[in-house]
């Protein structure tokens, strides 16, 4: 394990990266997956209903089923677009993400410095860590906010495995998304 501190200079997240990372997190949430399963089941049942109607009567007799099926498909498509739009809007409103931040990971805390100021937080305040792909590590001091660490900016000789070991030493729950 390389000597601490681990440095991640000039971490800056683009709007596209913010949308990609957070959209991936949104899709992985149990409530989102449950909604997709319910929507898929509803679309499947409506499709079967139309198929049975055509098979029994030679033509569809209930136009309301077509309307419900169309609404379900449009809702599914619009939902993805709406979430992406909301994420872009959230990024545009967050000035902190749009400026480079220098992160420093020490044995006792995470320290961030940008043109907006400096912050620090003890490792004991970090509730969980989420690894998003191979490029991003999100550290959550609260459920509503996180630090976005771009692992591509991690200065050698430190590696993401070293950061993972640091988190393990501090008993921070880690998950992958």
N, C-alpha and C. Protein backbone atom coordinates (compact mmCIF):
# COMPACT_ATOMS: atom_id res chain seq x y z
N UNK A 1 0.85 -1.18 0.00
CA UNK A 1 0.00 0.00 0.00
C UNK A 1 0.90 1.25 0.00
N UNK A 2 0.72 2.14 -1.01
CA UNK A 2 1.54 3.36 -1.07
C UNK A 2 1.28 4.26 0.13
N UNK A 3 2.20 5.11 0.35
CA UNK A 3 2.13 6.04 1.48
C UNK A 3 0.99 7.05 1.27
N UNK A 4 0.26 7.32 2.34
CA UNK A 4 -0.78 8.33 2.33
C UNK A 4 -0.14 9.70 2.40
N UNK A 5 -0.75 10.76 1.94
CA UNK A 5 -2.12 10.84 1.42
C UNK A 5 -2.19 10.45 -0.05
N UNK A 6 -3.40 10.06 -0.46
CA UNK A 6 -3.67 9.80 -1.87
C UNK A 6 -4.24 11.09 -2.44
N UNK A 7 -3.75 11.47 -3.60
CA UNK A 7 -4.15 12.74 -4.20
C UNK A 7 -4.93 12.51 -5.48
N UNK A 8 -6.00 13.29 -5.63
CA UNK A 8 -6.80 13.30 -6.85
C UNK A 8 -6.96 14.76 -7.25
N UNK A 9 -6.01 15.31 -8.02
CA UNK A 9 -6.07 16.73 -8.36
C UNK A 9 -7.06 17.02 -9.48
N UNK A 10 -7.63 18.21 -9.41
CA UNK A 10 -8.47 18.76 -10.48
C UNK A 10 -9.58 17.82 -10.94
N UNK A 11 -10.30 17.25 -9.96
CA UNK A 11 -11.44 16.40 -10.30
C UNK A 11 -12.58 17.31 -10.74
N UNK A 12 -13.06 17.08 -11.94
CA UNK A 12 -14.18 17.86 -12.48
C UNK A 12 -15.07 16.91 -13.26
N UNK A 13 -16.33 16.97 -12.98
CA UNK A 13 -17.28 16.07 -13.63
C UNK A 13 -18.04 16.85 -14.69
N UNK A 14 -18.07 16.32 -15.90
CA UNK A 14 -18.83 16.97 -16.97
C UNK A 14 -20.31 16.64 -16.81
N UNK A 15 -21.14 17.38 -17.51
CA UNK A 15 -22.58 17.12 -17.46
C UNK A 15 -22.90 15.72 -17.97
N UNK A 16 -22.23 15.30 -19.04
CA UNK A 16 -22.47 13.95 -19.59
C UNK A 16 -22.08 12.87 -18.59
N UNK A 17 -20.95 13.04 -17.90
CA UNK A 17 -20.53 12.07 -16.90
C UNK A 17 -21.50 12.05 -15.72
N UNK A 18 -21.94 13.22 -15.29
CA UNK A 18 -22.89 13.30 -14.18
C UNK A 18 -24.18 12.56 -14.53
N UNK A 19 -24.69 12.78 -15.72
CA UNK A 19 -25.91 12.10 -16.16
C UNK A 19 -25.67 10.59 -16.23
N UNK A 20 -24.56 10.17 -16.83
CA UNK A 20 -24.28 8.74 -16.98
C UNK A 20 -24.15 8.05 -15.63
N UNK A 21 -23.40 8.64 -14.71
CA UNK A 21 -23.19 8.03 -13.39
C UNK A 21 -24.50 7.96 -12.62
N UNK A 22 -25.23 9.06 -12.57
CA UNK A 22 -26.46 9.09 -11.77
C UNK A 22 -27.60 8.31 -12.42
N UNK A 23 -27.63 8.26 -13.75
CA UNK A 23 -28.63 7.44 -14.43
C UNK A 23 -28.39 5.97 -14.13
N UNK A 24 -27.13 5.58 -14.10
CA UNK A 24 -26.79 4.19 -13.76
C UNK A 24 -27.21 3.87 -12.33
N UNK A 25 -27.00 4.81 -11.41
CA UNK A 25 -27.44 4.61 -10.03
C UNK A 25 -28.96 4.53 -9.94
N UNK A 26 -29.65 5.38 -10.68
CA UNK A 26 -31.11 5.37 -10.68
C UNK A 26 -31.65 4.04 -11.18
N UNK A 27 -31.06 3.54 -12.27
CA UNK A 27 -31.51 2.26 -12.82
C UNK A 27 -31.26 1.10 -11.88
N UNK A 28 -30.23 1.19 -11.03
CA UNK A 28 -29.88 0.11 -10.11
C UNK A 28 -30.74 0.10 -8.83
N UNK A 29 -31.46 1.18 -8.58
CA UNK A 29 -32.28 1.25 -7.37
C UNK A 29 -33.39 0.21 -7.41
N UNK A 30 -33.66 -0.44 -6.28
CA UNK A 30 -34.73 -1.46 -6.25
C UNK A 30 -36.10 -0.91 -6.68
N UNK A 31 -36.43 0.30 -6.29
CA UNK A 31 -37.73 0.87 -6.67
C UNK A 31 -37.82 1.06 -8.18
N UNK A 32 -36.73 1.48 -8.80
CA UNK A 32 -36.72 1.66 -10.25
C UNK A 32 -36.86 0.32 -10.95
N UNK A 33 -36.10 -0.68 -10.49
CA UNK A 33 -36.20 -2.01 -11.11
C UNK A 33 -37.61 -2.58 -10.93
N UNK A 34 -38.19 -2.39 -9.76
CA UNK A 34 -39.56 -2.89 -9.52
C UNK A 34 -40.54 -2.20 -10.47
N UNK A 35 -40.38 -0.88 -10.66
CA UNK A 35 -41.26 -0.15 -11.57
C UNK A 35 -41.11 -0.67 -12.99
N UNK A 36 -39.87 -0.96 -13.41
CA UNK A 36 -39.65 -1.50 -14.77
C UNK A 36 -40.32 -2.87 -14.93
N UNK A 37 -40.20 -3.71 -13.91
CA UNK A 37 -40.84 -5.03 -13.99
C UNK A 37 -42.37 -4.89 -14.07
N UNK A 38 -42.93 -4.00 -13.25
CA UNK A 38 -44.39 -3.81 -13.28
C UNK A 38 -44.84 -3.24 -14.62
N UNK A 39 -44.11 -2.28 -15.12
CA UNK A 39 -44.45 -1.69 -16.42
C UNK A 39 -44.33 -2.75 -17.52
N UNK A 40 -43.26 -3.53 -17.50
CA UNK A 40 -43.08 -4.59 -18.49
C UNK A 40 -44.19 -5.63 -18.42
N UNK A 41 -44.57 -6.01 -17.19
CA UNK A 41 -45.65 -6.98 -17.02
C UNK A 41 -46.97 -6.41 -17.55
N UNK A 42 -47.22 -5.13 -17.27
CA UNK A 42 -48.44 -4.50 -17.77
C UNK A 42 -48.48 -4.46 -19.29
N UNK A 43 -47.36 -4.10 -19.90
CA UNK A 43 -47.28 -4.06 -21.37
C UNK A 43 -47.48 -5.45 -21.94
N UNK A 44 -46.87 -6.45 -21.33
CA UNK A 44 -47.02 -7.84 -21.78
C UNK A 44 -48.48 -8.28 -21.70
N UNK A 45 -49.13 -8.01 -20.58
CA UNK A 45 -50.54 -8.40 -20.42
C UNK A 45 -51.45 -7.68 -21.41
N UNK A 46 -51.20 -6.42 -21.63
CA UNK A 46 -52.00 -5.68 -22.61
C UNK A 46 -51.78 -6.25 -24.01
N UNK A 47 -50.53 -6.59 -24.33
CA UNK A 47 -50.23 -7.20 -25.63
C UNK A 47 -50.92 -8.54 -25.79
N UNK A 48 -50.92 -9.35 -24.73
CA UNK A 48 -51.61 -10.65 -24.78
C UNK A 48 -53.11 -10.43 -24.96
N UNK A 49 -53.66 -9.45 -24.27
CA UNK A 49 -55.09 -9.14 -24.39
C UNK A 49 -55.45 -8.77 -25.82
N UNK A 50 -54.63 -7.95 -26.45
CA UNK A 50 -54.89 -7.57 -27.85
C UNK A 50 -54.77 -8.80 -28.74
N UNK A 51 -53.75 -9.62 -28.51
CA UNK A 51 -53.57 -10.84 -29.31
C UNK A 51 -54.75 -11.78 -29.19
N UNK A 52 -55.24 -11.98 -27.97
CA UNK A 52 -56.40 -12.86 -27.76
C UNK A 52 -57.65 -12.29 -28.43
N UNK A 53 -57.79 -10.97 -28.32
CA UNK A 53 -58.94 -10.31 -28.94
C UNK A 53 -58.93 -10.52 -30.46
N UNK A 54 -57.77 -10.36 -31.09
CA UNK A 54 -57.65 -10.56 -32.54
C UNK A 54 -57.87 -12.03 -32.88
N UNK A 55 -57.31 -12.94 -32.08
CA UNK A 55 -57.45 -14.38 -32.34
C UNK A 55 -58.90 -14.84 -32.22
N UNK A 56 -59.62 -14.33 -31.22
CA UNK A 56 -61.00 -14.76 -31.00
C UNK A 56 -61.98 -14.09 -31.96
N UNK A 57 -61.73 -12.83 -32.27
CA UNK A 57 -62.71 -12.07 -33.05
C UNK A 57 -62.25 -11.74 -34.47
N UNK A 58 -61.03 -12.07 -34.79
CA UNK A 58 -60.52 -11.76 -36.12
C UNK A 58 -60.08 -10.32 -36.28
N UNK A 59 -60.40 -9.49 -35.32
CA UNK A 59 -60.00 -8.09 -35.33
C UNK A 59 -60.10 -7.56 -33.90
N UNK A 60 -59.37 -6.53 -33.58
CA UNK A 60 -59.47 -5.98 -32.22
C UNK A 60 -60.81 -5.27 -32.04
N UNK A 61 -61.49 -5.61 -30.96
CA UNK A 61 -62.79 -4.98 -30.71
C UNK A 61 -62.73 -3.92 -29.62
N UNK A 62 -61.72 -4.02 -28.75
CA UNK A 62 -61.61 -3.05 -27.64
C UNK A 62 -60.48 -2.07 -27.93
N UNK A 63 -60.81 -0.88 -28.36
CA UNK A 63 -59.79 0.13 -28.65
C UNK A 63 -59.15 0.66 -27.37
N UNK A 64 -59.84 0.51 -26.25
CA UNK A 64 -59.28 1.00 -24.99
C UNK A 64 -57.97 0.27 -24.65
N UNK A 65 -57.86 -0.99 -25.03
CA UNK A 65 -56.64 -1.75 -24.76
C UNK A 65 -55.47 -1.16 -25.53
N UNK A 66 -55.72 -0.77 -26.79
CA UNK A 66 -54.68 -0.11 -27.59
C UNK A 66 -54.25 1.21 -26.94
N UNK A 67 -55.21 1.93 -26.43
CA UNK A 67 -54.91 3.21 -25.79
C UNK A 67 -54.05 2.98 -24.54
N UNK A 68 -54.45 2.01 -23.70
CA UNK A 68 -53.66 1.71 -22.50
C UNK A 68 -52.25 1.24 -22.86
N UNK A 69 -52.13 0.41 -23.89
CA UNK A 69 -50.82 -0.07 -24.32
C UNK A 69 -49.96 1.09 -24.81
N UNK A 70 -50.54 1.97 -25.58
CA UNK A 70 -49.80 3.14 -26.09
C UNK A 70 -49.34 4.04 -24.95
N UNK A 71 -50.22 4.27 -23.99
CA UNK A 71 -49.87 5.11 -22.85
C UNK A 71 -48.73 4.47 -22.05
N UNK A 72 -48.79 3.16 -21.84
CA UNK A 72 -47.74 2.46 -21.09
C UNK A 72 -46.39 2.56 -21.80
N UNK A 73 -46.38 2.36 -23.11
CA UNK A 73 -45.13 2.44 -23.86
C UNK A 73 -44.60 3.88 -23.85
N UNK A 74 -45.47 4.85 -24.06
CA UNK A 74 -45.04 6.25 -24.04
C UNK A 74 -44.52 6.65 -22.65
N UNK A 75 -45.19 6.17 -21.61
CA UNK A 75 -44.74 6.46 -20.25
C UNK A 75 -43.33 5.91 -20.03
N UNK A 76 -43.10 4.66 -20.44
CA UNK A 76 -41.79 4.05 -20.29
C UNK A 76 -40.70 4.84 -21.00
N UNK A 77 -40.97 5.26 -22.22
CA UNK A 77 -39.99 6.04 -22.98
C UNK A 77 -39.79 7.44 -22.40
N UNK A 78 -40.88 8.08 -22.03
CA UNK A 78 -40.80 9.43 -21.50
C UNK A 78 -40.10 9.46 -20.15
N UNK A 79 -40.25 8.40 -19.38
CA UNK A 79 -39.63 8.35 -18.06
C UNK A 79 -38.11 8.42 -18.16
N UNK A 80 -37.53 7.66 -19.08
CA UNK A 80 -36.08 7.71 -19.27
C UNK A 80 -35.63 9.11 -19.65
N UNK A 81 -36.35 9.73 -20.58
CA UNK A 81 -36.01 11.08 -21.01
C UNK A 81 -36.16 12.10 -19.90
N UNK A 82 -37.22 11.97 -19.10
CA UNK A 82 -37.45 12.90 -18.00
C UNK A 82 -36.35 12.79 -16.94
N UNK A 83 -35.94 11.58 -16.61
CA UNK A 83 -34.88 11.41 -15.61
C UNK A 83 -33.58 12.04 -16.11
N UNK A 84 -33.24 11.80 -17.36
CA UNK A 84 -32.02 12.39 -17.92
C UNK A 84 -32.11 13.93 -17.92
N UNK A 85 -33.27 14.47 -18.26
CA UNK A 85 -33.46 15.92 -18.26
C UNK A 85 -33.30 16.48 -16.85
N UNK A 86 -33.89 15.80 -15.85
CA UNK A 86 -33.78 16.26 -14.47
C UNK A 86 -32.34 16.21 -13.98
N UNK A 87 -31.60 15.18 -14.38
CA UNK A 87 -30.19 15.09 -13.98
C UNK A 87 -29.38 16.22 -14.60
N UNK A 88 -29.61 16.53 -15.86
CA UNK A 88 -28.90 17.65 -16.50
C UNK A 88 -29.22 18.97 -15.81
N UNK A 89 -30.48 19.14 -15.46
CA UNK A 89 -30.90 20.36 -14.77
C UNK A 89 -30.23 20.44 -13.39
N UNK A 90 -30.16 19.30 -12.69
CA UNK A 90 -29.49 19.27 -11.39
C UNK A 90 -28.02 19.60 -11.50
N UNK A 91 -27.37 19.11 -12.54
CA UNK A 91 -25.95 19.42 -12.76
C UNK A 91 -25.77 20.92 -13.01
N UNK A 92 -26.62 21.49 -13.83
CA UNK A 92 -26.51 22.91 -14.17
C UNK A 92 -26.66 23.80 -12.93
N UNK A 93 -27.42 23.33 -11.95
CA UNK A 93 -27.65 24.10 -10.73
C UNK A 93 -26.56 23.89 -9.67
N UNK A 94 -25.66 22.94 -9.88
CA UNK A 94 -24.65 22.61 -8.88
C UNK A 94 -23.30 23.19 -9.31
N UNK A 95 -22.98 24.37 -8.81
CA UNK A 95 -21.74 25.04 -9.19
C UNK A 95 -20.50 24.28 -8.72
N UNK A 96 -20.61 23.54 -7.63
CA UNK A 96 -19.46 22.81 -7.10
C UNK A 96 -18.97 21.76 -8.08
N UNK A 97 -19.88 21.04 -8.74
CA UNK A 97 -19.48 20.00 -9.68
C UNK A 97 -18.80 20.55 -10.92
N UNK A 98 -19.07 21.80 -11.22
CA UNK A 98 -18.57 22.38 -12.46
C UNK A 98 -17.17 22.99 -12.31
N UNK A 99 -16.64 22.99 -11.11
CA UNK A 99 -15.30 23.52 -10.86
C UNK A 99 -14.37 22.37 -10.46
N UNK A 100 -13.11 22.47 -10.81
CA UNK A 100 -12.17 21.42 -10.40
C UNK A 100 -11.99 21.41 -8.88
N UNK A 101 -11.94 20.23 -8.32
CA UNK A 101 -11.72 20.05 -6.88
C UNK A 101 -10.49 19.16 -6.70
N UNK A 102 -9.60 19.58 -5.84
CA UNK A 102 -8.44 18.76 -5.48
C UNK A 102 -8.81 17.97 -4.23
N UNK A 103 -8.81 16.64 -4.34
CA UNK A 103 -9.11 15.78 -3.20
C UNK A 103 -7.82 15.24 -2.62
N UNK A 104 -7.82 15.11 -1.32
CA UNK A 104 -6.69 14.53 -0.59
C UNK A 104 -7.27 13.54 0.41
N UNK A 105 -6.87 12.29 0.28
CA UNK A 105 -7.35 11.24 1.18
C UNK A 105 -6.24 10.91 2.16
N UNK A 106 -6.47 11.21 3.44
CA UNK A 106 -5.47 10.94 4.46
C UNK A 106 -5.93 9.74 5.29
N UNK A 107 -5.16 9.37 6.27
CA UNK A 107 -5.53 8.24 7.11
C UNK A 107 -6.75 8.54 7.98
N UNK A 108 -7.05 9.82 8.20
CA UNK A 108 -8.16 10.16 9.09
C UNK A 108 -9.32 10.89 8.42
N UNK A 109 -9.10 11.46 7.21
CA UNK A 109 -10.17 12.27 6.62
C UNK A 109 -10.00 12.42 5.11
N UNK A 110 -11.08 12.93 4.52
CA UNK A 110 -11.06 13.34 3.11
C UNK A 110 -11.09 14.86 3.11
N UNK A 111 -10.23 15.45 2.31
CA UNK A 111 -10.13 16.91 2.24
C UNK A 111 -10.32 17.32 0.79
N UNK A 112 -11.14 18.33 0.58
CA UNK A 112 -11.37 18.85 -0.76
C UNK A 112 -11.10 20.34 -0.79
N UNK A 113 -10.52 20.79 -1.91
CA UNK A 113 -10.21 22.21 -2.05
C UNK A 113 -10.54 22.64 -3.48
N UNK A 114 -11.28 23.73 -3.59
CA UNK A 114 -11.60 24.30 -4.91
C UNK A 114 -11.59 25.81 -4.79
N UNK A 115 -11.93 26.48 -5.87
CA UNK A 115 -11.99 27.94 -5.84
C UNK A 115 -13.13 28.44 -4.95
N UNK A 116 -14.07 27.56 -4.64
CA UNK A 116 -15.19 27.93 -3.76
C UNK A 116 -14.86 27.78 -2.29
N UNK A 117 -13.73 27.13 -1.98
CA UNK A 117 -13.34 26.95 -0.59
C UNK A 117 -12.80 25.57 -0.32
N UNK A 118 -12.67 25.25 0.97
CA UNK A 118 -12.13 23.96 1.39
C UNK A 118 -13.13 23.29 2.32
N UNK A 119 -13.15 21.97 2.28
CA UNK A 119 -13.98 21.19 3.19
C UNK A 119 -13.20 19.96 3.60
N UNK A 120 -13.60 19.38 4.70
CA UNK A 120 -13.00 18.12 5.12
C UNK A 120 -14.04 17.34 5.90
N UNK A 121 -13.85 16.04 5.91
CA UNK A 121 -14.76 15.17 6.65
C UNK A 121 -14.01 13.94 7.13
N UNK A 122 -14.22 13.61 8.37
CA UNK A 122 -13.60 12.42 8.95
C UNK A 122 -14.18 11.18 8.28
N UNK A 123 -13.38 10.14 8.18
CA UNK A 123 -13.83 8.89 7.58
C UNK A 123 -15.02 8.31 8.33
N UNK A 124 -15.11 8.57 9.62
CA UNK A 124 -16.23 8.05 10.41
C UNK A 124 -17.57 8.66 9.97
N UNK A 125 -17.53 9.78 9.28
CA UNK A 125 -18.76 10.42 8.80
C UNK A 125 -19.23 9.87 7.45
N UNK A 126 -18.38 9.11 6.77
CA UNK A 126 -18.75 8.54 5.46
C UNK A 126 -19.59 7.29 5.72
N UNK A 127 -20.85 7.32 5.26
CA UNK A 127 -21.77 6.20 5.49
C UNK A 127 -21.54 5.02 4.56
N UNK A 128 -21.26 5.35 3.29
CA UNK A 128 -21.07 4.28 2.30
C UNK A 128 -20.30 4.81 1.11
N UNK A 129 -19.76 3.87 0.35
CA UNK A 129 -19.02 4.20 -0.86
C UNK A 129 -19.60 3.38 -2.01
N UNK A 130 -19.78 4.01 -3.16
CA UNK A 130 -20.33 3.33 -4.33
C UNK A 130 -19.33 3.47 -5.47
N UNK A 131 -18.90 2.32 -5.99
CA UNK A 131 -18.00 2.28 -7.13
C UNK A 131 -18.87 2.23 -8.38
N UNK A 132 -18.75 3.21 -9.25
CA UNK A 132 -19.54 3.27 -10.48
C UNK A 132 -18.59 3.04 -11.65
N UNK A 133 -18.69 1.85 -12.21
CA UNK A 133 -17.76 1.49 -13.28
C UNK A 133 -16.36 1.44 -12.72
N UNK A 134 -15.39 1.79 -13.55
CA UNK A 134 -14.00 1.81 -13.11
C UNK A 134 -13.49 3.22 -12.89
N UNK A 135 -14.30 4.22 -13.25
CA UNK A 135 -13.82 5.60 -13.22
C UNK A 135 -14.25 6.42 -12.01
N UNK A 136 -15.37 6.09 -11.40
CA UNK A 136 -15.92 6.96 -10.37
C UNK A 136 -16.15 6.23 -9.06
N UNK A 137 -15.82 6.93 -7.96
CA UNK A 137 -16.10 6.48 -6.61
C UNK A 137 -16.91 7.58 -5.94
N UNK A 138 -18.07 7.22 -5.42
CA UNK A 138 -18.93 8.18 -4.75
C UNK A 138 -18.89 7.89 -3.26
N UNK A 139 -18.55 8.90 -2.46
CA UNK A 139 -18.48 8.76 -1.02
C UNK A 139 -19.63 9.56 -0.41
N UNK A 140 -20.48 8.89 0.36
CA UNK A 140 -21.70 9.49 0.90
C UNK A 140 -21.58 9.80 2.39
N UNK A 141 -21.41 11.08 2.75
CA UNK A 141 -21.49 11.43 4.18
C UNK A 141 -22.96 11.48 4.65
N UNK A 142 -23.88 11.71 3.71
CA UNK A 142 -25.32 11.65 3.97
C UNK A 142 -25.96 10.89 2.81
N UNK A 143 -27.22 10.56 2.95
CA UNK A 143 -27.91 9.85 1.87
C UNK A 143 -28.20 10.77 0.68
N UNK A 144 -28.25 12.07 0.94
CA UNK A 144 -28.64 13.01 -0.11
C UNK A 144 -27.47 13.64 -0.85
N UNK A 145 -26.25 13.47 -0.37
CA UNK A 145 -25.10 14.14 -1.00
C UNK A 145 -23.90 13.21 -1.01
N UNK A 146 -23.02 13.45 -1.98
CA UNK A 146 -21.81 12.62 -2.05
C UNK A 146 -20.67 13.42 -2.65
N UNK A 147 -19.47 12.90 -2.42
CA UNK A 147 -18.27 13.40 -3.07
C UNK A 147 -18.03 12.52 -4.29
N UNK A 148 -17.82 13.13 -5.44
CA UNK A 148 -17.55 12.40 -6.68
C UNK A 148 -16.04 12.38 -6.89
N UNK A 149 -15.43 11.20 -6.78
CA UNK A 149 -13.99 11.07 -6.98
C UNK A 149 -13.73 10.38 -8.31
N UNK A 150 -13.03 11.08 -9.18
CA UNK A 150 -12.65 10.54 -10.48
C UNK A 150 -11.36 9.75 -10.31
N UNK A 151 -11.46 8.43 -10.34
CA UNK A 151 -10.31 7.58 -10.08
C UNK A 151 -9.26 7.67 -11.18
N UNK A 152 -9.61 8.23 -12.33
CA UNK A 152 -8.62 8.45 -13.39
C UNK A 152 -7.63 9.54 -12.98
N UNK A 153 -8.01 10.36 -11.99
CA UNK A 153 -7.16 11.45 -11.51
C UNK A 153 -6.27 11.02 -10.34
N UNK A 154 -6.44 9.79 -9.87
CA UNK A 154 -5.66 9.30 -8.73
C UNK A 154 -4.18 9.25 -9.10
N UNK A 155 -3.37 9.92 -8.31
CA UNK A 155 -1.94 10.04 -8.58
C UNK A 155 -1.21 8.74 -8.23
N UNK A 156 -0.37 8.28 -9.16
CA UNK A 156 0.46 7.09 -8.92
C UNK A 156 1.43 7.41 -7.79
N UNK A 157 1.82 6.45 -7.02
CA UNK A 157 1.66 5.01 -7.19
C UNK A 157 0.36 4.46 -6.61
N UNK A 158 -0.50 5.33 -6.07
CA UNK A 158 -1.76 4.85 -5.51
C UNK A 158 -2.65 4.29 -6.61
N UNK A 159 -3.47 3.30 -6.25
CA UNK A 159 -4.39 2.66 -7.19
C UNK A 159 -5.78 2.63 -6.57
N UNK A 160 -6.81 2.38 -7.39
CA UNK A 160 -8.15 2.22 -6.82
C UNK A 160 -8.21 1.11 -5.75
N UNK A 161 -7.42 0.07 -5.92
CA UNK A 161 -7.39 -1.00 -4.90
C UNK A 161 -6.88 -0.47 -3.57
N UNK A 162 -5.94 0.47 -3.60
CA UNK A 162 -5.43 1.08 -2.37
C UNK A 162 -6.52 1.91 -1.70
N UNK A 163 -7.30 2.62 -2.50
CA UNK A 163 -8.41 3.41 -1.96
C UNK A 163 -9.44 2.46 -1.34
N UNK A 164 -9.73 1.36 -2.02
CA UNK A 164 -10.67 0.37 -1.48
C UNK A 164 -10.19 -0.18 -0.15
N UNK A 165 -8.89 -0.42 -0.06
CA UNK A 165 -8.33 -0.92 1.20
C UNK A 165 -8.45 0.13 2.30
N UNK A 166 -8.25 1.40 1.97
CA UNK A 166 -8.42 2.49 2.94
C UNK A 166 -9.86 2.53 3.46
N UNK A 167 -10.81 2.38 2.55
CA UNK A 167 -12.23 2.38 2.94
C UNK A 167 -12.53 1.17 3.83
N UNK A 168 -11.95 0.03 3.50
CA UNK A 168 -12.16 -1.18 4.31
C UNK A 168 -11.58 -0.98 5.71
N UNK A 169 -10.42 -0.36 5.79
CA UNK A 169 -9.81 -0.11 7.11
C UNK A 169 -10.71 0.74 7.99
N UNK A 170 -11.47 1.63 7.36
CA UNK A 170 -12.37 2.51 8.11
C UNK A 170 -13.79 1.94 8.20
N UNK A 171 -13.94 0.70 7.78
CA UNK A 171 -15.21 -0.03 7.86
C UNK A 171 -16.35 0.71 7.16
N UNK A 172 -16.03 1.24 5.99
CA UNK A 172 -17.04 1.93 5.18
C UNK A 172 -17.63 0.90 4.23
N UNK A 173 -18.96 0.79 4.26
CA UNK A 173 -19.67 -0.16 3.41
C UNK A 173 -19.46 0.24 1.95
N UNK A 174 -19.06 -0.75 1.13
CA UNK A 174 -18.78 -0.49 -0.28
C UNK A 174 -19.72 -1.34 -1.14
N UNK A 175 -20.15 -0.76 -2.23
CA UNK A 175 -20.98 -1.49 -3.19
C UNK A 175 -20.62 -1.05 -4.60
N UNK A 176 -21.02 -1.86 -5.56
CA UNK A 176 -20.79 -1.56 -6.98
C UNK A 176 -22.11 -1.25 -7.66
N UNK A 177 -22.06 -0.32 -8.59
CA UNK A 177 -23.27 0.01 -9.36
C UNK A 177 -22.96 -0.10 -10.84
